[in-house]
Amino acid sequence: PVNRKCPACCEDLSQSKYKDLKIEIEARSLDDIKKILSIGGIQRILIDNFTVEQTLEAVKAVAGQCETESSGGITLETIRSYAECGVDFISVGALTHQIKSLDLSLKAV
């Protein structure tokens, strides 16, 4: 859920020497997205664990006000569907979750 202190946090950042610091906030529901957009000054919303249909609704709600990134539960089989929703970035954990380690050793001669 959106931290109620977030608007104050963003205000503090706007007054700080780190004015170029980009802010990304994670959303877990469409309601979170509405709250995040009401804060303003956010550069990216992380759309976390949404279905493709929910992601499409989220992108429509954001309507270009900031960048969007989809993450959570996205596989190599579903990445195209998420991309077609219009998100700006996609994180695919499946790239690293499915890696099998290789046991190698070297001997100095």
C-alpha atoms as a PDB file:
ATOM      1  CA  PRO A   1       0.000   0.000   0.000  1.00  0.00           C
ATOM      2  CA  VAL A   2       0.974   3.606  -0.474  1.00  0.00           C
ATOM      3  CA  ASN A   3       2.754   5.037   2.555  1.00  0.00           C
ATOM      4  CA  ARG A   4       0.737   7.976   3.906  1.00  0.00           C
ATOM      5  CA  LYS A   5       4.014   9.788   4.588  1.00  0.00           C
ATOM      6  CA  CYS A   6       4.955   9.638   0.919  1.00  0.00           C
ATOM      7  CA  PRO A   7       3.663  13.131  -0.007  1.00  0.00           C
ATOM      8  CA  ALA A   8       5.759  14.614   2.801  1.00  0.00           C
ATOM      9  CA  CYS A   9       8.724  12.562   1.651  1.00  0.00           C
ATOM     10  CA  CYS A  10       8.355  13.855  -1.907  1.00  0.00           C
ATOM     11  CA  GLU A  11       8.039  17.402  -0.624  1.00  0.00           C
ATOM     12  CA  ASP A  12      11.225  16.957   1.415  1.00  0.00           C
ATOM     13  CA  LEU A  13      13.040  15.704  -1.690  1.00  0.00           C
ATOM     14  CA  SER A  14      11.876  18.677  -3.746  1.00  0.00           C
ATOM     15  CA  GLN A  15      13.408  20.983  -1.132  1.00  0.00           C
ATOM     16  CA  SER A  16      16.667  19.059  -0.925  1.00  0.00           C
ATOM     17  CA  LYS A  17      19.894  19.306  -2.875  1.00  0.00           C
ATOM     18  CA  TYR A  18      18.890  16.069  -4.657  1.00  0.00           C
ATOM     19  CA  LYS A  19      16.327  17.651  -6.962  1.00  0.00           C
ATOM     20  CA  ASP A  20      17.426  15.442  -9.858  1.00  0.00           C
ATOM     21  CA  LEU A  21      16.738  12.276  -7.862  1.00  0.00           C
ATOM     22  CA  LYS A  22      14.165  10.171  -9.699  1.00  0.00           C
ATOM     23  CA  ILE A  23      11.357   8.662  -7.658  1.00  0.00           C
ATOM     24  CA  GLU A  24       9.732   5.304  -8.407  1.00  0.00           C
ATOM     25  CA  ILE A  25       6.813   4.044  -6.330  1.00  0.00           C
ATOM     26  CA  GLU A  26       5.432   0.508  -6.329  1.00  0.00           C
ATOM     27  CA  ALA A  27       1.696   0.048  -6.879  1.00  0.00           C
ATOM     28  CA  ARG A  28      -0.155  -3.151  -6.075  1.00  0.00           C
ATOM     29  CA  SER A  29      -3.638  -1.990  -7.086  1.00  0.00           C
ATOM     30  CA  LEU A  30      -5.377   0.540  -9.316  1.00  0.00           C
ATOM     31  CA  ASP A  31      -6.297   2.428  -6.146  1.00  0.00           C
ATOM     32  CA  ASP A  32      -2.581   2.713  -5.314  1.00  0.00           C
ATOM     33  CA  ILE A  33      -1.972   4.159  -8.780  1.00  0.00           C
ATOM     34  CA  LYS A  34      -4.630   6.837  -8.270  1.00  0.00           C
ATOM     35  CA  LYS A  35      -3.071   7.795  -4.920  1.00  0.00           C
ATOM     36  CA  ILE A  36       0.427   7.900  -6.408  1.00  0.00           C
ATOM     37  CA  LEU A  37      -0.696  10.118  -9.280  1.00  0.00           C
ATOM     38  CA  SER A  38      -2.324  12.519  -6.812  1.00  0.00           C
ATOM     39  CA  ILE A  39       1.074  13.046  -5.149  1.00  0.00           C
ATOM     40  CA  GLY A  40       2.722  14.362  -8.307  1.00  0.00           C
ATOM     41  CA  GLY A  41       6.438  14.604  -8.949  1.00  0.00           C
ATOM     42  CA  ILE A  42       6.816  10.854  -9.404  1.00  0.00           C
ATOM     43  CA  GLN A  43       8.920   9.762 -12.379  1.00  0.00           C
ATOM     44  CA  ARG A  44       7.915   6.080 -12.515  1.00  0.00           C
ATOM     45  CA  ILE A  45       5.266   3.743 -11.142  1.00  0.00           C
ATOM     46  CA  LEU A  46       6.183   0.085 -10.694  1.00  0.00           C
ATOM     47  CA  ILE A  47       3.049  -1.897 -11.570  1.00  0.00           C
ATOM     48  CA  ASP A  48       3.618  -4.991  -9.439  1.00  0.00           C
ATOM     49  CA  ASN A  49       1.916  -8.377  -9.866  1.00  0.00           C
ATOM     50  CA  PHE A  50      -0.905  -7.075 -12.091  1.00  0.00           C
ATOM     51  CA  THR A  51      -2.594  -9.281 -14.683  1.00  0.00           C
ATOM     52  CA  VAL A  52      -2.331  -8.216 -18.321  1.00  0.00           C
ATOM     53  CA  GLU A  53      -5.868  -6.791 -18.128  1.00  0.00           C
ATOM     54  CA  GLN A  54      -5.093  -4.858 -14.926  1.00  0.00           C
ATOM     55  CA  THR A  55      -1.862  -3.572 -16.480  1.00  0.00           C
ATOM     56  CA  LEU A  56      -3.783  -2.220 -19.456  1.00  0.00           C
ATOM     57  CA  GLU A  57      -6.141  -0.388 -17.068  1.00  0.00           C
ATOM     58  CA  ALA A  58      -3.173   0.936 -15.092  1.00  0.00           C
ATOM     59  CA  VAL A  59      -1.468   2.309 -18.209  1.00  0.00           C
ATOM     60  CA  LYS A  60      -4.738   3.997 -19.216  1.00  0.00           C
ATOM     61  CA  ALA A  61      -5.044   5.534 -15.735  1.00  0.00           C
ATOM     62  CA  VAL A  62      -1.469   6.850 -15.819  1.00  0.00           C
ATOM     63  CA  ALA A  63      -2.089   8.302 -19.289  1.00  0.00           C
ATOM     64  CA  GLY A  64       1.528   9.335 -19.806  1.00  0.00           C
ATOM     65  CA  GLN A  65       1.814  11.321 -16.552  1.00  0.00           C
ATOM     66  CA  CYS A  66       4.927   9.314 -15.670  1.00  0.00           C
ATOM     67  CA  GLU A  67       6.838   6.247 -16.808  1.00  0.00           C
ATOM     68  CA  THR A  68       5.429   2.804 -16.057  1.00  0.00           C
ATOM     69  CA  GLU A  69       7.203  -0.465 -15.312  1.00  0.00           C
ATOM     70  CA  SER A  70       5.584  -3.909 -15.098  1.00  0.00           C
ATOM     71  CA  SER A  71       7.049  -6.486 -12.767  1.00  0.00           C
ATOM     72  CA  GLY A  72       6.046  -9.638 -10.950  1.00  0.00           C
ATOM     73  CA  GLY A  73       4.837 -12.867 -12.474  1.00  0.00           C
ATOM     74  CA  ILE A  74       5.943 -11.936 -15.987  1.00  0.00           C
ATOM     75  CA  THR A  75       7.425 -14.803 -17.971  1.00  0.00           C
ATOM     76  CA  LEU A  76       9.073 -15.073 -21.353  1.00  0.00           C
ATOM     77  CA  GLU A  77       5.732 -16.441 -22.600  1.00  0.00           C
ATOM     78  CA  THR A  78       3.714 -13.427 -21.354  1.00  0.00           C
ATOM     79  CA  ILE A  79       6.168 -10.564 -21.895  1.00  0.00           C
ATOM     80  CA  ARG A  80       4.716  -9.619 -25.295  1.00  0.00           C
ATOM     81  CA  SER A  81       1.210  -9.267 -23.836  1.00  0.00           C
ATOM     82  CA  TYR A  82       2.526  -6.927 -21.135  1.00  0.00           C
ATOM     83  CA  ALA A  83       4.526  -4.930 -23.684  1.00  0.00           C
ATOM     84  CA  GLU A  84       1.406  -4.490 -25.808  1.00  0.00           C
ATOM     85  CA  CYS A  85      -0.269  -2.788 -22.824  1.00  0.00           C
ATOM     86  CA  GLY A  86       2.044   0.172 -23.411  1.00  0.00           C
ATOM     87  CA  VAL A  87       4.267   0.032 -20.333  1.00  0.00           C
ATOM     88  CA  ASP A  88       7.613   1.791 -20.680  1.00  0.00           C
ATOM     89  CA  PHE A  89       9.703  -0.884 -18.933  1.00  0.00           C
ATOM     90  CA  ILE A  90       9.291  -4.564 -18.066  1.00  0.00           C
ATOM     91  CA  SER A  91      11.183  -6.552 -15.430  1.00  0.00           C
ATOM     92  CA  VAL A  92      11.299 -10.300 -16.018  1.00  0.00           C
ATOM     93  CA  GLY A  93      12.510 -12.290 -13.050  1.00  0.00           C
ATOM     94  CA  ALA A  94      12.182 -15.482 -15.077  1.00  0.00           C
ATOM     95  CA  LEU A  95      15.502 -14.616 -16.720  1.00  0.00           C
ATOM     96  CA  THR A  96      17.320 -15.260 -13.456  1.00  0.00           C
ATOM     97  CA  HIS A  97      14.879 -17.582 -11.651  1.00  0.00           C
ATOM     98  CA  GLN A  98      15.374 -20.372 -14.171  1.00  0.00           C
ATOM     99  CA  ILE A  99      19.173 -20.324 -14.243  1.00  0.00           C
ATOM    100  CA  LYS A 100      20.837 -23.568 -13.263  1.00  0.00           C
ATOM    101  CA  SER A 101      24.306 -23.295 -11.801  1.00  0.00           C
ATOM    102  CA  LEU A 102      27.261 -25.075 -13.327  1.00  0.00           C
ATOM    103  CA  ASP A 103      29.831 -26.548 -10.959  1.00  0.00           C
ATOM    104  CA  LEU A 104      33.288 -25.699 -12.328  1.00  0.00           C
ATOM    105  CA  SER A 105      36.701 -25.860 -10.758  1.00  0.00           C
ATOM    106  CA  LEU A 106      40.179 -24.954 -11.959  1.00  0.00           C
ATOM    107  CA  LYS A 107      43.501 -26.403 -10.902  1.00  0.00           C
ATOM    108  CA  ALA A 108      46.706 -24.451 -11.142  1.00  0.00           C
ATOM    109  CA  VAL A 109      49.472 -26.424 -12.834  1.00  0.00           C
END
